[in-house]
Amino acid sequence: YRREQSLPLPGSSAALYNNLSVLRLPGPQPQRFSAVHGPSLSLLSAAAAGLGLSHRQLPAREPGVGLSAALLTQAAWCVLPSRVLLVLTSQKGIQMYEADGSVLVYWHALDVAEHPPAQAVFARGIAAVGERFICVGTSSGPVLVFDIPPKGTNVTVSEVLEQHGAAVTDIAAEQGRAPDGAGDLVSADDAGTLCVWSAGEEFRLVSKVPACGCTCSSVALWHGTVAAGFGNGQIRLYEAASGRLRAQVNAHARWINALDLAPETGKLLSGAEDSFVHIWKLSRNPDTDDVEIQHCHAERVPDTQVCGARFCDPEGNSFAVTGYDLSEIFCYSRV
């Protein structure tokens, strides 16, 4: 991989897990990038070779109140068969916008009164799953399942998944590729617990990996394999159907802040506070059915605490990186 260009952000990136989202659009349409800083989201649209660059900041809003002072914790585009929504999470609730951030479709307020005064309240962890669901995690542990209509604003909370006893850190899903019985959604929390779910009219818990005493900050799901990044710099691979540990790699010297998977090839991207981004290749041994992981590439991002890293295409031929207090996105392409 070779560094191609950097894209300027209208604001710097905050030191949050998974603080970069990429909307991969088909054909010649510009790609969209987003990163959170404080109470606003930096949105960037860039065509190939950096031409046609446009950017703006989207402030978090509360319906009827105007500008919100709540700090954002994450943002992600959720791609469903019928529509694409931009979902923002904050200390006050969950906001869903049309893909370009122009129209607020839905607002869900968190019930602050239910929590002890000393406990932080926020939402974090966003994923689209199945034909019409968006799942969002909360600081108290429950995962909210939103039923999304093909159009309009009639979004409803269809279910609450209660298996986590600590704040949810990340959620990932696999659309239409999960083997039978393996589940198509995984959620992680601050204690290191992982839960694999099967989506449907009622969500079903498939497997649960117990807390390990180390935060699982980022997760990904590929062909029935869960990839999990931890605060101690390890990447662990689990069998989604059983929760069994299949591989473990001491991947980084410091806290892992981002994982992403290229669904077409099984490439895994990891970024951490040690200023490194690594690319790995996941595969299954056809003879033993073992899950194998191979290191493919290492990229140092000088003087940068990496807090967001995402592939820009489903094959994993290009990726983007941002870091704490960085006012740009670095883009890399395969040579």
C-alpha atoms as a PDB file:
ATOM      1  CA  TYR A   1       0.000   0.000   0.000  1.00  0.00           C
ATOM      2  CA  ARG A   2       1.122   3.549  -0.717  1.00  0.00           C
ATOM      3  CA  ARG A   3      -0.115   6.808   0.720  1.00  0.00           C
ATOM      4  CA  GLU A   4      -1.993   8.655  -2.000  1.00  0.00           C
ATOM      5  CA  GLN A   5      -3.354  11.870  -0.553  1.00  0.00           C
ATOM      6  CA  SER A   6      -4.770  13.518   2.509  1.00  0.00           C
ATOM      7  CA  LEU A   7      -8.276  14.933   2.682  1.00  0.00           C
ATOM      8  CA  PRO A   8      -8.810  18.025   4.879  1.00  0.00           C
ATOM      9  CA  LEU A   9     -11.419  17.796   7.622  1.00  0.00           C
ATOM     10  CA  PRO A  10     -13.379  20.880   8.710  1.00  0.00           C
ATOM     11  CA  GLY A  11     -12.539  19.928  12.316  1.00  0.00           C
ATOM     12  CA  SER A  12     -10.054  17.652  14.061  1.00  0.00           C
ATOM     13  CA  SER A  13     -10.865  14.096  15.186  1.00  0.00           C
ATOM     14  CA  ALA A  14     -11.647  13.344  18.832  1.00  0.00           C
ATOM     15  CA  ALA A  15      -9.929  10.503  20.730  1.00  0.00           C
ATOM     16  CA  LEU A  16     -12.825   8.045  20.438  1.00  0.00           C
ATOM     17  CA  TYR A  17     -13.036   4.398  19.389  1.00  0.00           C
ATOM     18  CA  ASN A  18     -13.893   3.797  15.737  1.00  0.00           C
ATOM     19  CA  ASN A  19     -13.927   7.519  14.978  1.00  0.00           C
ATOM     20  CA  LEU A  20     -14.059   7.263  11.206  1.00  0.00           C
ATOM     21  CA  SER A  21     -16.924   6.187   9.002  1.00  0.00           C
ATOM     22  CA  VAL A  22     -16.815   5.673   5.236  1.00  0.00           C
ATOM     23  CA  LEU A  23     -19.850   5.407   2.964  1.00  0.00           C
ATOM     24  CA  ARG A  24     -18.830   3.412  -0.096  1.00  0.00           C
ATOM     25  CA  LEU A  25     -21.130   4.395  -2.941  1.00  0.00           C
ATOM     26  CA  PRO A  26     -21.326   2.410  -6.219  1.00  0.00           C
ATOM     27  CA  GLY A  27     -19.983   3.751  -9.483  1.00  0.00           C
ATOM     28  CA  PRO A  28     -18.453   7.219  -9.913  1.00  0.00           C
ATOM     29  CA  GLN A  29     -20.310   8.812  -6.996  1.00  0.00           C
ATOM     30  CA  PRO A  30     -18.101  10.618  -4.454  1.00  0.00           C
ATOM     31  CA  GLN A  31     -17.149   8.718  -1.322  1.00  0.00           C
ATOM     32  CA  ARG A  32     -18.260  10.152   1.987  1.00  0.00           C
ATOM     33  CA  PHE A  33     -16.202  10.286   5.176  1.00  0.00           C
ATOM     34  CA  SER A  34     -17.113  11.416   8.683  1.00  0.00           C
ATOM     35  CA  ALA A  35     -15.311  11.955  11.993  1.00  0.00           C
ATOM     36  CA  VAL A  36     -16.571  13.224  15.352  1.00  0.00           C
ATOM     37  CA  HIS A  37     -15.222  16.194  17.286  1.00  0.00           C
ATOM     38  CA  GLY A  38     -17.049  17.419  20.383  1.00  0.00           C
ATOM     39  CA  PRO A  39     -20.699  18.316  19.645  1.00  0.00           C
ATOM     40  CA  SER A  40     -20.308  18.236  15.844  1.00  0.00           C
ATOM     41  CA  LEU A  41     -19.592  15.820  13.009  1.00  0.00           C
ATOM     42  CA  SER A  42     -17.166  16.600  10.195  1.00  0.00           C
ATOM     43  CA  LEU A  43     -18.598  15.421   6.868  1.00  0.00           C
ATOM     44  CA  LEU A  44     -16.412  15.112   3.790  1.00  0.00           C
ATOM     45  CA  SER A  45     -17.324  14.160   0.231  1.00  0.00           C
ATOM     46  CA  ALA A  46     -14.504  13.313  -2.169  1.00  0.00           C
ATOM     47  CA  ALA A  47     -14.515  12.034  -5.755  1.00  0.00           C
ATOM     48  CA  ALA A  48     -11.697   9.936  -7.207  1.00  0.00           C
ATOM     49  CA  ALA A  49      -8.212  11.484  -7.006  1.00  0.00           C
ATOM     50  CA  GLY A  50      -9.509  14.069  -4.545  1.00  0.00           C
ATOM     51  CA  LEU A  51     -11.438  15.997  -7.192  1.00  0.00           C
ATOM     52  CA  GLY A  52     -14.755  17.577  -6.322  1.00  0.00           C
ATOM     53  CA  LEU A  53     -13.933  17.892  -2.623  1.00  0.00           C
ATOM     54  CA  SER A  54     -16.635  19.297  -0.349  1.00  0.00           C
ATOM     55  CA  HIS A  55     -16.940  19.359   3.425  1.00  0.00           C
ATOM     56  CA  ARG A  56     -19.111  20.735   6.190  1.00  0.00           C
ATOM     57  CA  GLN A  57     -19.844  20.314   9.871  1.00  0.00           C
ATOM     58  CA  LEU A  58     -23.089  18.809  11.136  1.00  0.00           C
ATOM     59  CA  PRO A  59     -23.938  19.975  14.672  1.00  0.00           C
ATOM     60  CA  ALA A  60     -25.838  17.547  16.872  1.00  0.00           C
ATOM     61  CA  ARG A  61     -29.397  18.772  17.259  1.00  0.00           C
ATOM     62  CA  GLU A  62     -32.241  18.147  19.636  1.00  0.00           C
ATOM     63  CA  PRO A  63     -35.746  18.481  18.186  1.00  0.00           C
ATOM     64  CA  GLY A  64     -37.303  21.780  19.154  1.00  0.00           C
ATOM     65  CA  VAL A  65     -34.321  22.912  21.216  1.00  0.00           C
ATOM     66  CA  GLY A  66     -31.831  24.006  18.580  1.00  0.00           C
ATOM     67  CA  LEU A  67     -28.146  23.293  19.011  1.00  0.00           C
ATOM     68  CA  SER A  68     -27.275  20.579  21.484  1.00  0.00           C
ATOM     69  CA  ALA A  69     -24.351  20.878  23.854  1.00  0.00           C
ATOM     70  CA  ALA A  70     -24.091  17.088  24.140  1.00  0.00           C
ATOM     71  CA  LEU A  71     -20.820  15.543  23.017  1.00  0.00           C
ATOM     72  CA  LEU A  72     -21.071  13.059  20.178  1.00  0.00           C
ATOM     73  CA  THR A  73     -19.606   9.605  20.817  1.00  0.00           C
ATOM     74  CA  GLN A  74     -19.801   8.024  17.356  1.00  0.00           C
ATOM     75  CA  ALA A  75     -21.269   8.346  13.869  1.00  0.00           C
ATOM     76  CA  ALA A  76     -21.804   5.738  11.154  1.00  0.00           C
ATOM     77  CA  TRP A  77     -23.682   5.269   7.907  1.00  0.00           C
ATOM     78  CA  CYS A  78     -26.114   2.359   8.094  1.00  0.00           C
ATOM     79  CA  VAL A  79     -26.770   0.781   4.701  1.00  0.00           C
ATOM     80  CA  LEU A  80     -30.055  -1.141   4.466  1.00  0.00           C
ATOM     81  CA  PRO A  81     -31.581  -2.563   1.252  1.00  0.00           C
ATOM     82  CA  SER A  82     -34.238   0.158   1.147  1.00  0.00           C
ATOM     83  CA  ARG A  83     -32.334   3.224   2.402  1.00  0.00           C
ATOM     84  CA  VAL A  84     -29.135   4.644   3.887  1.00  0.00           C
ATOM     85  CA  LEU A  85     -29.190   6.558   7.178  1.00  0.00           C
ATOM     86  CA  LEU A  86     -26.473   8.504   8.983  1.00  0.00           C
ATOM     87  CA  VAL A  87     -26.689   7.627  12.699  1.00  0.00           C
ATOM     88  CA  LEU A  88     -25.151   9.783  15.443  1.00  0.00           C
ATOM     89  CA  THR A  89     -24.840   8.815  19.095  1.00  0.00           C
ATOM     90  CA  SER A  90     -24.255  11.230  21.970  1.00  0.00           C
ATOM     91  CA  GLN A  91     -24.583  11.791  25.708  1.00  0.00           C
ATOM     92  CA  LYS A  92     -28.263  12.611  25.249  1.00  0.00           C
ATOM     93  CA  GLY A  93     -29.525  10.204  22.650  1.00  0.00           C
ATOM     94  CA  ILE A  94     -29.515   8.763  19.158  1.00  0.00           C
ATOM     95  CA  GLN A  95     -30.115  10.794  16.000  1.00  0.00           C
ATOM     96  CA  MET A  96     -30.820   9.392  12.542  1.00  0.00           C
ATOM     97  CA  TYR A  97     -30.386  11.553   9.460  1.00  0.00           C
ATOM     98  CA  GLU A  98     -30.777  11.034   5.740  1.00  0.00           C
ATOM     99  CA  ALA A  99     -27.441   9.914   4.268  1.00  0.00           C
ATOM    100  CA  ASP A 100     -26.226  13.435   3.451  1.00  0.00           C
ATOM    101  CA  GLY A 101     -27.105  14.780   6.899  1.00  0.00           C
ATOM    102  CA  SER A 102     -29.713  17.163   5.458  1.00  0.00           C
ATOM    103  CA  VAL A 103     -32.847  15.900   7.228  1.00  0.00           C
ATOM    104  CA  LEU A 104     -33.270  14.646  10.798  1.00  0.00           C
ATOM    105  CA  VAL A 105     -35.407  11.524  10.450  1.00  0.00           C
ATOM    106  CA  TYR A 106     -35.607  10.325  14.055  1.00  0.00           C
ATOM    107  CA  TRP A 107     -34.511  11.257  17.558  1.00  0.00           C
ATOM    108  CA  HIS A 108     -34.374   8.850  20.508  1.00  0.00           C
ATOM    109  CA  ALA A 109     -33.640  10.371  23.913  1.00  0.00           C
ATOM    110  CA  LEU A 110     -31.750   8.396  26.561  1.00  0.00           C
ATOM    111  CA  ASP A 111     -33.462   8.227  29.946  1.00  0.00           C
ATOM    112  CA  VAL A 112     -30.901   9.979  32.137  1.00  0.00           C
ATOM    113  CA  ALA A 113     -33.125   9.713  35.227  1.00  0.00           C
ATOM    114  CA  GLU A 114     -32.728   5.924  35.349  1.00  0.00           C
ATOM    115  CA  HIS A 115     -28.952   6.129  35.922  1.00  0.00           C
ATOM    116  CA  PRO A 116     -27.073   6.939  39.144  1.00  0.00           C
ATOM    117  CA  PRO A 117     -25.873  10.565  39.252  1.00  0.00           C
ATOM    118  CA  ALA A 118     -22.180   9.613  39.035  1.00  0.00           C
ATOM    119  CA  GLN A 119     -22.623   7.332  36.029  1.00  0.00           C
ATOM    120  CA  ALA A 120     -21.964   8.634  32.532  1.00  0.00           C
ATOM    121  CA  VAL A 121     -24.872   8.258  30.129  1.00  0.00           C
ATOM    122  CA  PHE A 122     -24.319   7.873  26.389  1.00  0.00           C
ATOM    123  CA  ALA A 123     -25.008   5.716  23.360  1.00  0.00           C
ATOM    124  CA  ARG A 124     -22.201   4.040  21.390  1.00  0.00           C
ATOM    125  CA  GLY A 125     -21.905   1.211  18.869  1.00  0.00           C
ATOM    126  CA  ILE A 126     -23.907   1.375  15.621  1.00  0.00           C
ATOM    127  CA  ALA A 127     -24.707  -1.263  12.987  1.00  0.00           C
ATOM    128  CA  ALA A 128     -27.300  -2.031  10.311  1.00  0.00           C
ATOM    129  CA  VAL A 129     -28.434  -5.654  10.326  1.00  0.00           C
ATOM    130  CA  GLY A 130     -30.913  -7.682   8.294  1.00  0.00           C
ATOM    131  CA  GLU A 131     -33.443  -6.096   5.981  1.00  0.00           C
ATOM    132  CA  ARG A 132     -34.666  -3.277   8.208  1.00  0.00           C
ATOM    133  CA  PHE A 133     -32.917  -3.051  11.583  1.00  0.00           C
ATOM    134  CA  ILE A 134     -30.366  -0.659  13.084  1.00  0.00           C
ATOM    135  CA  CYS A 135     -28.825  -1.635  16.432  1.00  0.00           C
ATOM    136  CA  VAL A 136     -27.313   0.909  18.835  1.00  0.00           C
ATOM    137  CA  GLY A 137     -25.563   0.208  22.151  1.00  0.00           C
ATOM    138  CA  THR A 138     -25.889   2.166  25.393  1.00  0.00           C
ATOM    139  CA  SER A 139     -23.675   2.980  28.373  1.00  0.00           C
ATOM    140  CA  SER A 140     -25.788   0.868  30.738  1.00  0.00           C
ATOM    141  CA  GLY A 141     -25.428  -2.269  28.570  1.00  0.00           C
ATOM    142  CA  PRO A 142     -28.694  -2.780  26.648  1.00  0.00           C
ATOM    143  CA  VAL A 143     -28.622  -2.763  22.851  1.00  0.00           C
ATOM    144  CA  LEU A 144     -31.581  -0.985  21.248  1.00  0.00           C
ATOM    145  CA  VAL A 145     -33.030  -2.489  18.059  1.00  0.00           C
ATOM    146  CA  PHE A 146     -34.710   0.063  15.779  1.00  0.00           C
ATOM    147  CA  ASP A 147     -37.151  -1.034  13.073  1.00  0.00           C
ATOM    148  CA  ILE A 148     -36.567   1.223  10.058  1.00  0.00           C
ATOM    149  CA  PRO A 149     -39.343   1.800   7.486  1.00  0.00           C
ATOM    150  CA  PRO A 150     -38.420   1.919   3.759  1.00  0.00           C
ATOM    151  CA  LYS A 151     -39.129   5.652   3.844  1.00  0.00           C
ATOM    152  CA  GLY A 152     -40.508   8.247   6.212  1.00  0.00           C
ATOM    153  CA  THR A 153     -39.955   8.851   9.918  1.00  0.00           C
ATOM    154  CA  ASN A 154     -41.971   6.065  11.554  1.00  0.00           C
ATOM    155  CA  VAL A 155     -38.924   4.510  13.287  1.00  0.00           C
ATOM    156  CA  THR A 156     -39.747   2.336  16.312  1.00  0.00           C
ATOM    157  CA  VAL A 157     -37.790   0.505  19.026  1.00  0.00           C
ATOM    158  CA  SER A 158     -38.773  -3.098  18.323  1.00  0.00           C
ATOM    159  CA  GLU A 159     -36.604  -4.827  20.935  1.00  0.00           C
ATOM    160  CA  VAL A 160     -34.015  -4.274  23.673  1.00  0.00           C
ATOM    161  CA  LEU A 161     -31.204  -6.835  23.935  1.00  0.00           C
ATOM    162  CA  GLU A 162     -30.039  -7.194  27.537  1.00  0.00           C
ATOM    163  CA  GLN A 163     -26.916  -9.332  27.917  1.00  0.00           C
ATOM    164  CA  HIS A 164     -24.194  -6.755  28.593  1.00  0.00           C
ATOM    165  CA  GLY A 165     -23.427  -5.615  32.128  1.00  0.00           C
ATOM    166  CA  ALA A 166     -21.017  -2.860  31.038  1.00  0.00           C
ATOM    167  CA  ALA A 167     -21.098  -0.007  28.515  1.00  0.00           C
ATOM    168  CA  VAL A 168     -21.321  -1.188  24.919  1.00  0.00           C
ATOM    169  CA  THR A 169     -18.229  -0.208  22.911  1.00  0.00           C
ATOM    170  CA  ASP A 170     -18.928  -1.420  19.388  1.00  0.00           C
ATOM    171  CA  ILE A 171     -21.408  -3.390  17.272  1.00  0.00           C
ATOM    172  CA  ALA A 172     -20.811  -5.046  13.899  1.00  0.00           C
ATOM    173  CA  ALA A 173     -22.989  -7.016  11.493  1.00  0.00           C
ATOM    174  CA  GLU A 174     -22.615  -9.199   8.448  1.00  0.00           C
ATOM    175  CA  GLN A 175     -25.212  -8.689   5.754  1.00  0.00           C
ATOM    176  CA  GLY A 176     -26.256 -11.883   4.005  1.00  0.00           C
ATOM    177  CA  ARG A 177     -22.938 -13.731   4.365  1.00  0.00           C
ATOM    178  CA  ALA A 178     -23.146 -15.447   7.733  1.00  0.00           C
ATOM    179  CA  PRO A 179     -23.204 -19.275   7.665  1.00  0.00           C
ATOM    180  CA  ASP A 180     -26.351 -20.923   9.010  1.00  0.00           C
ATOM    181  CA  GLY A 181     -26.472 -20.803  12.792  1.00  0.00           C
ATOM    182  CA  ALA A 182     -23.459 -18.484  13.097  1.00  0.00           C
ATOM    183  CA  GLY A 183     -25.357 -15.278  13.839  1.00  0.00           C
ATOM    184  CA  ASP A 184     -25.117 -12.025  11.910  1.00  0.00           C
ATOM    185  CA  LEU A 185     -24.550  -9.430  14.661  1.00  0.00           C
ATOM    186  CA  VAL A 186     -21.875  -9.075  17.352  1.00  0.00           C
ATOM    187  CA  SER A 187     -21.746  -6.590  20.245  1.00  0.00           C
ATOM    188  CA  ALA A 188     -18.859  -5.850  22.637  1.00  0.00           C
ATOM    189  CA  ASP A 189     -18.483  -3.968  25.913  1.00  0.00           C
ATOM    190  CA  ASP A 190     -16.039  -2.298  28.289  1.00  0.00           C
ATOM    191  CA  ALA A 191     -15.521  -5.502  30.303  1.00  0.00           C
ATOM    192  CA  GLY A 192     -14.540  -7.507  27.196  1.00  0.00           C
ATOM    193  CA  THR A 193     -17.803  -9.456  26.905  1.00  0.00           C
ATOM    194  CA  LEU A 194     -18.864 -10.399  23.370  1.00  0.00           C
ATOM    195  CA  CYS A 195     -22.408 -11.376  22.372  1.00  0.00           C
ATOM    196  CA  VAL A 196     -23.309 -12.885  19.008  1.00  0.00           C
ATOM    197  CA  TRP A 197     -26.920 -12.512  17.873  1.00  0.00           C
ATOM    198  CA  SER A 198     -29.123 -13.839  15.119  1.00  0.00           C
ATOM    199  CA  ALA A 199     -31.341 -11.096  13.719  1.00  0.00           C
ATOM    200  CA  GLY A 200     -35.016 -11.560  12.911  1.00  0.00           C
ATOM    201  CA  GLU A 201     -38.486 -10.611  14.073  1.00  0.00           C
ATOM    202  CA  GLU A 202     -37.061 -11.524  17.480  1.00  0.00           C
ATOM    203  CA  PHE A 203     -33.300 -11.416  17.992  1.00  0.00           C
ATOM    204  CA  ARG A 204     -31.747 -14.579  19.420  1.00  0.00           C
ATOM    205  CA  LEU A 205     -28.516 -14.890  21.434  1.00  0.00           C
ATOM    206  CA  VAL A 206     -26.272 -17.385  19.605  1.00  0.00           C
ATOM    207  CA  SER A 207     -23.152 -17.327  21.803  1.00  0.00           C
ATOM    208  CA  LYS A 208     -21.519 -15.270  24.539  1.00  0.00           C
ATOM    209  CA  VAL A 209     -17.828 -14.802  25.304  1.00  0.00           C
ATOM    210  CA  PRO A 210     -17.463 -13.906  29.008  1.00  0.00           C
ATOM    211  CA  ALA A 211     -15.693 -10.766  30.233  1.00  0.00           C
ATOM    212  CA  CYS A 212     -11.907 -11.008  30.236  1.00  0.00           C
ATOM    213  CA  GLY A 213     -11.086  -7.933  32.322  1.00  0.00           C
ATOM    214  CA  CYS A 214      -9.849  -5.995  29.292  1.00  0.00           C
ATOM    215  CA  THR A 215     -11.976  -3.669  27.166  1.00  0.00           C
ATOM    216  CA  CYS A 216     -12.964  -4.917  23.725  1.00  0.00           C
ATOM    217  CA  SER A 217     -12.984  -1.638  21.817  1.00  0.00           C
ATOM    218  CA  SER A 218     -13.798  -2.798  18.292  1.00  0.00           C
ATOM    219  CA  VAL A 219     -15.348  -5.844  16.598  1.00  0.00           C
ATOM    220  CA  ALA A 220     -15.933  -7.176  13.087  1.00  0.00           C
ATOM    221  CA  LEU A 221     -17.736 -10.221  11.688  1.00  0.00           C
ATOM    222  CA  TRP A 222     -16.751 -12.300   8.653  1.00  0.00           C
ATOM    223  CA  HIS A 223     -18.119 -15.674   7.495  1.00  0.00           C
ATOM    224  CA  GLY A 224     -18.945 -16.856  10.993  1.00  0.00           C
ATOM    225  CA  THR A 225     -15.732 -15.541  12.558  1.00  0.00           C
ATOM    226  CA  VAL A 226     -15.673 -12.702  15.110  1.00  0.00           C
ATOM    227  CA  ALA A 227     -12.578 -10.477  15.067  1.00  0.00           C
ATOM    228  CA  ALA A 228     -12.170  -8.500  18.296  1.00  0.00           C
ATOM    229  CA  GLY A 229      -9.625  -5.794  19.145  1.00  0.00           C
ATOM    230  CA  PHE A 230      -8.704  -5.211  22.790  1.00  0.00           C
ATOM    231  CA  GLY A 231      -7.167  -2.537  25.005  1.00  0.00           C
ATOM    232  CA  ASN A 232      -4.038  -4.661  25.508  1.00  0.00           C
ATOM    233  CA  GLY A 233      -3.280  -4.560  21.775  1.00  0.00           C
ATOM    234  CA  GLN A 234      -4.468  -8.104  21.055  1.00  0.00           C
ATOM    235  CA  ILE A 235      -6.671  -9.255  18.212  1.00  0.00           C
ATOM    236  CA  ARG A 236      -8.651 -12.395  19.013  1.00  0.00           C
ATOM    237  CA  LEU A 237     -10.663 -14.490  16.592  1.00  0.00           C
ATOM    238  CA  TYR A 238     -13.686 -16.400  17.861  1.00  0.00           C
ATOM    239  CA  GLU A 239     -16.079 -18.896  16.337  1.00  0.00           C
ATOM    240  CA  ALA A 240     -19.345 -16.938  16.166  1.00  0.00           C
ATOM    241  CA  ALA A 241     -21.599 -19.976  16.606  1.00  0.00           C
ATOM    242  CA  SER A 242     -19.874 -21.297  19.745  1.00  0.00           C
ATOM    243  CA  GLY A 243     -17.822 -18.402  21.126  1.00  0.00           C
ATOM    244  CA  ARG A 244     -14.699 -20.599  21.024  1.00  0.00           C
ATOM    245  CA  LEU A 245     -11.330 -18.814  20.746  1.00  0.00           C
ATOM    246  CA  ARG A 246      -9.673 -19.803  17.453  1.00  0.00           C
ATOM    247  CA  ALA A 247      -6.644 -17.469  17.199  1.00  0.00           C
ATOM    248  CA  GLN A 248      -4.892 -14.727  19.167  1.00  0.00           C
ATOM    249  CA  VAL A 249      -2.334 -12.189  17.945  1.00  0.00           C
ATOM    250  CA  ASN A 250      -0.327  -9.585  19.877  1.00  0.00           C
ATOM    251  CA  ALA A 251      -1.034  -7.111  17.097  1.00  0.00           C
ATOM    252  CA  HIS A 252      -0.267  -3.708  18.621  1.00  0.00           C
ATOM    253  CA  ALA A 253       1.827  -2.219  21.414  1.00  0.00           C
ATOM    254  CA  ARG A 254      -1.045  -0.070  22.674  1.00  0.00           C
ATOM    255  CA  TRP A 255      -4.832   0.194  22.747  1.00  0.00           C
ATOM    256  CA  ILE A 256      -6.628  -0.863  19.545  1.00  0.00           C
ATOM    257  CA  ASN A 257      -9.110   1.820  18.484  1.00  0.00           C
ATOM    258  CA  ALA A 258     -10.397   0.505  15.156  1.00  0.00           C
ATOM    259  CA  LEU A 259     -11.075  -2.706  13.226  1.00  0.00           C
ATOM    260  CA  ASP A 260     -12.607  -3.096   9.788  1.00  0.00           C
ATOM    261  CA  LEU A 261     -13.167  -6.018   7.430  1.00  0.00           C
ATOM    262  CA  ALA A 262     -13.197  -6.133   3.637  1.00  0.00           C
ATOM    263  CA  PRO A 263     -16.121  -8.528   3.020  1.00  0.00           C
ATOM    264  CA  GLU A 264     -15.021  -9.676  -0.443  1.00  0.00           C
ATOM    265  CA  THR A 265     -11.514 -10.788   0.557  1.00  0.00           C
ATOM    266  CA  GLY A 266     -11.432 -11.315   4.330  1.00  0.00           C
ATOM    267  CA  LYS A 267      -8.803  -8.626   4.866  1.00  0.00           C
ATOM    268  CA  LEU A 268      -8.795  -7.180   8.381  1.00  0.00           C
ATOM    269  CA  LEU A 269      -7.644  -3.634   9.125  1.00  0.00           C
ATOM    270  CA  SER A 270      -6.513  -2.656  12.640  1.00  0.00           C
ATOM    271  CA  GLY A 271      -5.452   0.749  13.969  1.00  0.00           C
ATOM    272  CA  ALA A 272      -4.137   1.616  17.429  1.00  0.00           C
ATOM    273  CA  GLU A 273      -2.650   4.243  19.709  1.00  0.00           C
ATOM    274  CA  ASP A 274       0.849   2.974  18.837  1.00  0.00           C
ATOM    275  CA  SER A 275       0.542   4.946  15.530  1.00  0.00           C
ATOM    276  CA  PHE A 276       0.442   1.765  13.436  1.00  0.00           C
ATOM    277  CA  VAL A 277      -2.142   0.413  11.032  1.00  0.00           C
ATOM    278  CA  HIS A 278      -1.898  -3.282  10.150  1.00  0.00           C
ATOM    279  CA  ILE A 279      -3.611  -5.327   7.466  1.00  0.00           C
ATOM    280  CA  TRP A 280      -4.252  -9.009   8.042  1.00  0.00           C
ATOM    281  CA  LYS A 281      -5.789 -11.757   5.926  1.00  0.00           C
ATOM    282  CA  LEU A 282      -8.363 -14.090   7.469  1.00  0.00           C
ATOM    283  CA  SER A 283      -9.000 -17.516   5.938  1.00  0.00           C
ATOM    284  CA  ARG A 284     -10.173 -21.014   6.770  1.00  0.00           C
ATOM    285  CA  ASN A 285      -8.006 -24.059   6.262  1.00  0.00           C
ATOM    286  CA  PRO A 286     -10.118 -26.324   3.994  1.00  0.00           C
ATOM    287  CA  ASP A 287      -8.594 -29.481   5.524  1.00  0.00           C
ATOM    288  CA  THR A 288      -8.916 -28.680   9.231  1.00  0.00           C
ATOM    289  CA  ASP A 289     -11.528 -25.861   9.143  1.00  0.00           C
ATOM    290  CA  ASP A 290      -9.173 -23.864  11.388  1.00  0.00           C
ATOM    291  CA  VAL A 291      -9.376 -20.076  11.246  1.00  0.00           C
ATOM    292  CA  GLU A 292      -6.033 -18.657  10.138  1.00  0.00           C
ATOM    293  CA  ILE A 293      -4.679 -15.098  10.226  1.00  0.00           C
ATOM    294  CA  GLN A 294      -1.772 -13.823   8.149  1.00  0.00           C
ATOM    295  CA  HIS A 295      -0.024 -10.452   8.427  1.00  0.00           C
ATOM    296  CA  CYS A 296       0.028  -8.610   5.081  1.00  0.00           C
ATOM    297  CA  HIS A 297       1.047  -4.993   5.631  1.00  0.00           C
ATOM    298  CA  ALA A 298       2.154  -2.510   8.295  1.00  0.00           C
ATOM    299  CA  GLU A 299       1.820   1.244   7.927  1.00  0.00           C
ATOM    300  CA  ARG A 300       3.175   3.766  10.418  1.00  0.00           C
ATOM    301  CA  VAL A 301       1.270   7.028  10.674  1.00  0.00           C
ATOM    302  CA  PRO A 302       3.938   9.260  12.266  1.00  0.00           C
ATOM    303  CA  ASP A 303       3.093  11.099  15.489  1.00  0.00           C
ATOM    304  CA  THR A 304      -0.536  10.001  15.314  1.00  0.00           C
ATOM    305  CA  GLN A 305      -2.732   8.249  17.859  1.00  0.00           C
ATOM    306  CA  VAL A 306      -4.888   6.357  15.362  1.00  0.00           C
ATOM    307  CA  CYS A 307      -8.567   6.521  16.373  1.00  0.00           C
ATOM    308  CA  GLY A 308     -10.252   5.602  13.098  1.00  0.00           C
ATOM    309  CA  ALA A 309      -9.413   3.287  10.190  1.00  0.00           C
ATOM    310  CA  ARG A 310     -11.717   2.004   7.435  1.00  0.00           C
ATOM    311  CA  PHE A 311     -11.432   0.231   4.107  1.00  0.00           C
ATOM    312  CA  CYS A 312     -12.708   2.334   1.194  1.00  0.00           C
ATOM    313  CA  ASP A 313     -13.779  -0.597  -1.000  1.00  0.00           C
ATOM    314  CA  PRO A 314     -15.188  -4.112  -0.347  1.00  0.00           C
ATOM    315  CA  GLU A 315     -12.005  -5.785  -1.656  1.00  0.00           C
ATOM    316  CA  GLY A 316      -9.713  -3.935   0.747  1.00  0.00           C
ATOM    317  CA  ASN A 317      -7.582  -2.339  -1.977  1.00  0.00           C
ATOM    318  CA  SER A 318      -7.674   1.082  -0.300  1.00  0.00           C
ATOM    319  CA  PHE A 319      -8.143   2.402   3.214  1.00  0.00           C
ATOM    320  CA  ALA A 320      -8.430   5.662   5.138  1.00  0.00           C
ATOM    321  CA  VAL A 321      -7.008   6.624   8.550  1.00  0.00           C
ATOM    322  CA  THR A 322      -7.481   9.462  10.986  1.00  0.00           C
ATOM    323  CA  GLY A 323      -6.097  10.165  14.437  1.00  0.00           C
ATOM    324  CA  TYR A 324      -6.555  12.193  17.587  1.00  0.00           C
ATOM    325  CA  ASP A 325      -6.391  15.959  16.961  1.00  0.00           C
ATOM    326  CA  LEU A 326      -5.720  15.327  13.265  1.00  0.00           C
ATOM    327  CA  SER A 327      -7.525  17.684  10.869  1.00  0.00           C
ATOM    328  CA  GLU A 328      -7.175  15.423   7.852  1.00  0.00           C
ATOM    329  CA  ILE A 329      -7.816  11.916   6.635  1.00  0.00           C
ATOM    330  CA  PHE A 330      -4.906   9.945   5.172  1.00  0.00           C
ATOM    331  CA  CYS A 331      -5.779   7.713   2.215  1.00  0.00           C
ATOM    332  CA  TYR A 332      -3.778   4.676   1.059  1.00  0.00           C
ATOM    333  CA  SER A 333      -4.109   2.527  -2.056  1.00  0.00           C
ATOM    334  CA  ARG A 334      -2.678  -0.840  -3.001  1.00  0.00           C
ATOM    335  CA  VAL A 335       0.365  -0.575  -5.250  1.00  0.00           C
END
